[in-house]
Amino acid sequence: MDEPFNMADMVGKMMDMQRRMADTQAALGARSVTAEAGGGMVKVTANGLQRVTAVRIEPGVIDPSDPELLEDLLIAGVNKALDEAAAMAKDEMSKAAGSFLPPGMDLSKFGL
């Protein structure tokens, strides 16, 4: 026989999920990914909050007569790092939501 719906239990589960997600969101600031562009000539590090935290440029790629090359490499590196950071954040937030969410629910619709 099915157990009756327990609103207090449901609210408790929702509060627990919110707490886990807030903790995970805070922890994402301490996690990072590093992406490379131009065969490693440009390295960009971003944290799980999708903020760029470091950029390393090999001196050989700095050519005053060709600034467009460096610009393109920076754009590629930043975009790749932010994409990887977003994927990491999505994965961690999905784990934090746990079994509370239906399978396959995409948290990105909620800005997570």
N, C-alpha and C. Protein backbone atom coordinates (compact mmCIF):
# COMPACT_ATOMS: atom_id res chain seq x y z
N MET A 1 0.84 -1.19 0.00
CA MET A 1 0.00 0.00 0.00
C MET A 1 0.88 1.25 0.00
N ASP A 2 0.51 2.23 -0.79
CA ASP A 2 1.29 3.46 -0.88
C ASP A 2 1.19 4.25 0.42
N GLU A 3 2.33 4.86 0.77
CA GLU A 3 2.33 5.72 1.95
C GLU A 3 1.74 7.06 1.58
N PRO A 4 1.06 7.73 2.52
CA PRO A 4 0.48 9.04 2.22
C PRO A 4 1.57 10.08 1.98
N PHE A 5 1.23 11.08 1.20
CA PHE A 5 2.16 12.17 0.89
C PHE A 5 2.50 12.93 2.17
N ASN A 6 3.76 13.12 2.40
CA ASN A 6 4.21 13.80 3.61
C ASN A 6 4.87 15.12 3.20
N MET A 7 4.14 16.22 3.36
CA MET A 7 4.63 17.54 2.94
C MET A 7 5.89 17.93 3.72
N ALA A 8 5.94 17.64 5.00
CA ALA A 8 7.11 18.00 5.81
C ALA A 8 8.35 17.26 5.31
N ASP A 9 8.18 16.00 4.94
CA ASP A 9 9.30 15.23 4.41
C ASP A 9 9.77 15.82 3.09
N MET A 10 8.83 16.19 2.24
CA MET A 10 9.17 16.78 0.95
C MET A 10 9.91 18.10 1.12
N VAL A 11 9.43 18.96 2.01
CA VAL A 11 10.09 20.24 2.27
C VAL A 11 11.49 20.00 2.82
N GLY A 12 11.63 19.03 3.71
CA GLY A 12 12.95 18.70 4.25
C GLY A 12 13.90 18.25 3.17
N LYS A 13 13.43 17.43 2.24
CA LYS A 13 14.27 16.98 1.13
C LYS A 13 14.66 18.14 0.23
N MET A 14 13.74 19.05 -0.01
CA MET A 14 14.05 20.21 -0.84
C MET A 14 15.08 21.11 -0.17
N MET A 15 14.96 21.30 1.12
CA MET A 15 15.93 22.13 1.85
C MET A 15 17.30 21.47 1.84
N ASP A 16 17.33 20.15 1.98
CA ASP A 16 18.60 19.42 1.94
C ASP A 16 19.25 19.56 0.57
N MET A 17 18.46 19.44 -0.49
CA MET A 17 18.99 19.60 -1.83
C MET A 17 19.52 21.02 -2.04
N GLN A 18 18.79 22.02 -1.57
CA GLN A 18 19.25 23.41 -1.70
C GLN A 18 20.58 23.60 -0.98
N ARG A 19 20.70 23.01 0.18
CA ARG A 19 21.93 23.13 0.97
C ARG A 19 23.09 22.47 0.22
N ARG A 20 22.85 21.26 -0.31
CA ARG A 20 23.91 20.56 -1.05
C ARG A 20 24.31 21.35 -2.29
N MET A 21 23.34 21.92 -2.97
CA MET A 21 23.66 22.68 -4.17
C MET A 21 24.42 23.96 -3.83
N ALA A 22 24.05 24.63 -2.74
CA ALA A 22 24.77 25.83 -2.33
C ALA A 22 26.21 25.49 -1.93
N ASP A 23 26.38 24.37 -1.23
CA ASP A 23 27.74 23.94 -0.86
C ASP A 23 28.56 23.62 -2.10
N THR A 24 27.93 22.96 -3.06
CA THR A 24 28.63 22.61 -4.29
C THR A 24 29.00 23.87 -5.07
N GLN A 25 28.08 24.82 -5.14
CA GLN A 25 28.34 26.08 -5.84
C GLN A 25 29.55 26.79 -5.22
N ALA A 26 29.60 26.81 -3.89
CA ALA A 26 30.73 27.45 -3.21
C ALA A 26 32.03 26.70 -3.50
N ALA A 27 31.98 25.38 -3.52
CA ALA A 27 33.17 24.58 -3.77
C ALA A 27 33.68 24.72 -5.20
N LEU A 28 32.79 25.04 -6.13
CA LEU A 28 33.21 25.19 -7.52
C LEU A 28 34.20 26.33 -7.69
N GLY A 29 34.16 27.30 -6.82
CA GLY A 29 35.12 28.40 -6.90
C GLY A 29 36.55 27.95 -6.66
N ALA A 30 36.71 26.83 -5.96
CA ALA A 30 38.04 26.32 -5.65
C ALA A 30 38.53 25.30 -6.68
N ARG A 31 37.66 24.86 -7.57
CA ARG A 31 38.04 23.89 -8.60
C ARG A 31 38.32 24.64 -9.89
N SER A 32 39.26 24.12 -10.67
CA SER A 32 39.60 24.81 -11.91
C SER A 32 39.93 23.83 -13.02
N VAL A 33 39.88 24.35 -14.22
CA VAL A 33 40.28 23.62 -15.42
C VAL A 33 41.23 24.52 -16.20
N THR A 34 42.13 23.90 -16.95
CA THR A 34 43.06 24.65 -17.79
C THR A 34 42.92 24.14 -19.22
N ALA A 35 42.72 25.08 -20.13
CA ALA A 35 42.58 24.75 -21.55
C ALA A 35 43.76 25.36 -22.30
N GLU A 36 44.13 24.71 -23.38
CA GLU A 36 45.24 25.17 -24.20
C GLU A 36 44.76 25.54 -25.60
N ALA A 37 45.45 26.48 -26.18
CA ALA A 37 45.22 26.86 -27.58
C ALA A 37 46.57 27.00 -28.25
N GLY A 38 46.59 26.78 -29.54
CA GLY A 38 47.85 26.92 -30.28
C GLY A 38 48.89 25.92 -29.85
N GLY A 39 48.46 24.69 -29.58
CA GLY A 39 49.42 23.66 -29.18
C GLY A 39 50.08 23.95 -27.86
N GLY A 40 49.39 24.63 -26.98
CA GLY A 40 49.93 24.93 -25.66
C GLY A 40 50.63 26.28 -25.56
N MET A 41 50.61 27.04 -26.65
CA MET A 41 51.25 28.36 -26.62
C MET A 41 50.49 29.32 -25.70
N VAL A 42 49.18 29.12 -25.60
CA VAL A 42 48.35 29.92 -24.70
C VAL A 42 47.60 28.94 -23.80
N LYS A 43 47.67 29.17 -22.48
CA LYS A 43 46.96 28.35 -21.50
C LYS A 43 46.07 29.26 -20.67
N VAL A 44 44.80 28.87 -20.57
CA VAL A 44 43.83 29.67 -19.83
C VAL A 44 43.22 28.78 -18.75
N THR A 45 43.21 29.29 -17.52
CA THR A 45 42.62 28.58 -16.39
C THR A 45 41.36 29.31 -15.97
N ALA A 46 40.29 28.52 -15.76
CA ALA A 46 39.02 29.08 -15.28
C ALA A 46 38.53 28.22 -14.13
N ASN A 47 37.84 28.84 -13.18
CA ASN A 47 37.31 28.08 -12.06
C ASN A 47 35.89 27.60 -12.36
N GLY A 48 35.34 26.84 -11.44
CA GLY A 48 34.01 26.28 -11.62
C GLY A 48 32.90 27.30 -11.61
N LEU A 49 33.22 28.54 -11.25
CA LEU A 49 32.25 29.63 -11.32
C LEU A 49 32.33 30.33 -12.67
N GLN A 50 33.12 29.74 -13.57
CA GLN A 50 33.31 30.23 -14.93
C GLN A 50 33.93 31.62 -14.97
N ARG A 51 34.94 31.78 -14.13
CA ARG A 51 35.74 33.01 -14.11
C ARG A 51 37.16 32.65 -14.50
N VAL A 52 37.74 33.41 -15.41
CA VAL A 52 39.13 33.19 -15.81
C VAL A 52 40.02 33.62 -14.64
N THR A 53 40.91 32.70 -14.24
CA THR A 53 41.77 32.99 -13.09
C THR A 53 43.24 33.12 -13.47
N ALA A 54 43.61 32.66 -14.67
CA ALA A 54 45.00 32.78 -15.10
C ALA A 54 45.09 32.65 -16.61
N VAL A 55 46.07 33.35 -17.17
CA VAL A 55 46.40 33.24 -18.59
C VAL A 55 47.92 33.18 -18.69
N ARG A 56 48.42 32.15 -19.37
CA ARG A 56 49.86 32.01 -19.58
C ARG A 56 50.11 32.05 -21.09
N ILE A 57 51.04 32.88 -21.50
CA ILE A 57 51.36 33.03 -22.92
C ILE A 57 52.84 32.75 -23.10
N GLU A 58 53.14 31.82 -23.98
CA GLU A 58 54.55 31.53 -24.29
C GLU A 58 55.12 32.73 -25.05
N PRO A 59 56.32 33.15 -24.69
CA PRO A 59 56.91 34.32 -25.35
C PRO A 59 56.99 34.21 -26.87
N GLY A 60 57.15 33.02 -27.39
CA GLY A 60 57.29 32.83 -28.83
C GLY A 60 56.06 33.21 -29.63
N VAL A 61 54.90 33.27 -28.98
CA VAL A 61 53.67 33.59 -29.70
C VAL A 61 53.43 35.10 -29.75
N ILE A 62 54.23 35.86 -29.03
CA ILE A 62 54.08 37.32 -29.01
C ILE A 62 54.89 37.90 -30.16
N ASP A 63 54.18 38.25 -31.21
CA ASP A 63 54.80 38.80 -32.41
C ASP A 63 54.15 40.16 -32.67
N PRO A 64 54.87 41.25 -32.42
CA PRO A 64 54.29 42.58 -32.61
C PRO A 64 53.77 42.83 -34.03
N SER A 65 54.27 42.10 -34.99
CA SER A 65 53.81 42.30 -36.36
C SER A 65 52.55 41.48 -36.67
N ASP A 66 52.13 40.62 -35.73
CA ASP A 66 50.95 39.78 -35.97
C ASP A 66 50.11 39.66 -34.69
N PRO A 67 49.55 40.78 -34.22
CA PRO A 67 48.76 40.73 -32.99
C PRO A 67 47.48 39.89 -33.14
N GLU A 68 47.00 39.76 -34.36
CA GLU A 68 45.77 38.99 -34.58
C GLU A 68 45.93 37.53 -34.18
N LEU A 69 47.12 36.97 -34.38
CA LEU A 69 47.36 35.59 -33.99
C LEU A 69 47.18 35.42 -32.49
N LEU A 70 47.80 36.30 -31.71
CA LEU A 70 47.68 36.22 -30.26
C LEU A 70 46.23 36.45 -29.83
N GLU A 71 45.56 37.39 -30.46
CA GLU A 71 44.15 37.65 -30.14
C GLU A 71 43.31 36.40 -30.38
N ASP A 72 43.52 35.75 -31.52
CA ASP A 72 42.76 34.55 -31.85
C ASP A 72 43.05 33.42 -30.86
N LEU A 73 44.31 33.27 -30.49
CA LEU A 73 44.66 32.22 -29.53
C LEU A 73 44.05 32.49 -28.16
N LEU A 74 44.04 33.75 -27.75
CA LEU A 74 43.42 34.10 -26.46
C LEU A 74 41.92 33.82 -26.47
N ILE A 75 41.27 34.21 -27.54
CA ILE A 75 39.83 33.96 -27.65
C ILE A 75 39.55 32.46 -27.62
N ALA A 76 40.31 31.69 -28.37
CA ALA A 76 40.11 30.24 -28.41
C ALA A 76 40.36 29.62 -27.03
N GLY A 77 41.43 30.05 -26.37
CA GLY A 77 41.75 29.50 -25.05
C GLY A 77 40.71 29.84 -24.00
N VAL A 78 40.25 31.08 -24.00
CA VAL A 78 39.23 31.51 -23.03
C VAL A 78 37.92 30.77 -23.28
N ASN A 79 37.49 30.68 -24.52
CA ASN A 79 36.24 29.99 -24.82
C ASN A 79 36.32 28.52 -24.43
N LYS A 80 37.44 27.88 -24.71
CA LYS A 80 37.59 26.46 -24.37
C LYS A 80 37.59 26.28 -22.85
N ALA A 81 38.30 27.13 -22.13
CA ALA A 81 38.34 27.02 -20.67
C ALA A 81 36.97 27.24 -20.06
N LEU A 82 36.24 28.22 -20.56
CA LEU A 82 34.90 28.49 -20.03
C LEU A 82 33.93 27.35 -20.35
N ASP A 83 34.06 26.76 -21.52
CA ASP A 83 33.22 25.60 -21.87
C ASP A 83 33.51 24.43 -20.93
N GLU A 84 34.79 24.17 -20.67
CA GLU A 84 35.16 23.08 -19.77
C GLU A 84 34.71 23.36 -18.34
N ALA A 85 34.83 24.61 -17.90
CA ALA A 85 34.39 24.98 -16.56
C ALA A 85 32.87 24.82 -16.42
N ALA A 86 32.14 25.20 -17.46
CA ALA A 86 30.68 25.06 -17.44
C ALA A 86 30.28 23.58 -17.37
N ALA A 87 30.97 22.74 -18.12
CA ALA A 87 30.67 21.31 -18.10
C ALA A 87 30.96 20.72 -16.72
N MET A 88 32.07 21.13 -16.11
CA MET A 88 32.41 20.67 -14.78
C MET A 88 31.34 21.10 -13.78
N ALA A 89 30.92 22.36 -13.86
CA ALA A 89 29.92 22.89 -12.94
C ALA A 89 28.59 22.15 -13.11
N LYS A 90 28.20 21.90 -14.35
CA LYS A 90 26.93 21.20 -14.61
C LYS A 90 26.98 19.80 -14.01
N ASP A 91 28.10 19.12 -14.19
CA ASP A 91 28.26 17.77 -13.66
C ASP A 91 28.19 17.77 -12.13
N GLU A 92 28.88 18.69 -11.50
CA GLU A 92 28.90 18.76 -10.03
C GLU A 92 27.53 19.14 -9.48
N MET A 93 26.84 20.06 -10.13
CA MET A 93 25.51 20.45 -9.65
C MET A 93 24.50 19.32 -9.83
N SER A 94 24.64 18.55 -10.89
CA SER A 94 23.76 17.40 -11.09
C SER A 94 23.99 16.36 -10.00
N LYS A 95 25.25 16.15 -9.64
CA LYS A 95 25.56 15.23 -8.55
C LYS A 95 24.95 15.73 -7.24
N ALA A 96 25.04 17.03 -7.00
CA ALA A 96 24.53 17.60 -5.75
C ALA A 96 23.01 17.46 -5.67
N ALA A 97 22.34 17.57 -6.81
CA ALA A 97 20.88 17.44 -6.82
C ALA A 97 20.47 16.01 -6.51
N GLY A 98 21.37 15.07 -6.83
CA GLY A 98 21.14 13.68 -6.48
C GLY A 98 19.86 13.10 -7.04
N SER A 99 19.28 12.25 -6.27
CA SER A 99 18.10 11.51 -6.72
C SER A 99 16.82 12.34 -6.63
N PHE A 100 16.94 13.57 -6.17
CA PHE A 100 15.75 14.40 -6.03
C PHE A 100 15.17 14.78 -7.39
N LEU A 101 16.06 14.94 -8.37
CA LEU A 101 15.60 15.34 -9.70
C LEU A 101 15.29 14.13 -10.56
N PRO A 102 14.36 14.29 -11.47
CA PRO A 102 14.07 13.19 -12.40
C PRO A 102 15.27 12.94 -13.30
N PRO A 103 15.49 11.70 -13.72
CA PRO A 103 16.63 11.39 -14.60
C PRO A 103 16.57 12.24 -15.87
N GLY A 104 17.74 12.75 -16.25
CA GLY A 104 17.84 13.52 -17.48
C GLY A 104 17.43 14.97 -17.38
N MET A 105 17.04 15.44 -16.19
CA MET A 105 16.64 16.84 -16.06
C MET A 105 17.86 17.73 -16.24
N ASP A 106 17.74 18.72 -17.08
CA ASP A 106 18.85 19.61 -17.40
C ASP A 106 18.77 20.84 -16.52
N LEU A 107 19.74 20.98 -15.60
CA LEU A 107 19.75 22.11 -14.67
C LEU A 107 20.14 23.42 -15.34
N SER A 108 20.66 23.37 -16.57
CA SER A 108 21.08 24.60 -17.23
C SER A 108 19.90 25.52 -17.51
N LYS A 109 18.71 24.97 -17.56
CA LYS A 109 17.52 25.78 -17.77
C LYS A 109 17.26 26.71 -16.58
N PHE A 110 17.89 26.37 -15.46
CA PHE A 110 17.72 27.15 -14.24
C PHE A 110 18.97 27.95 -13.92
N GLY A 111 19.87 28.06 -14.87
CA GLY A 111 21.08 28.84 -14.66
C GLY A 111 22.14 28.10 -13.87
N LEU A 112 22.03 26.79 -13.77
CA LEU A 112 23.00 26.00 -13.00
C LEU A 112 23.85 25.15 -13.91
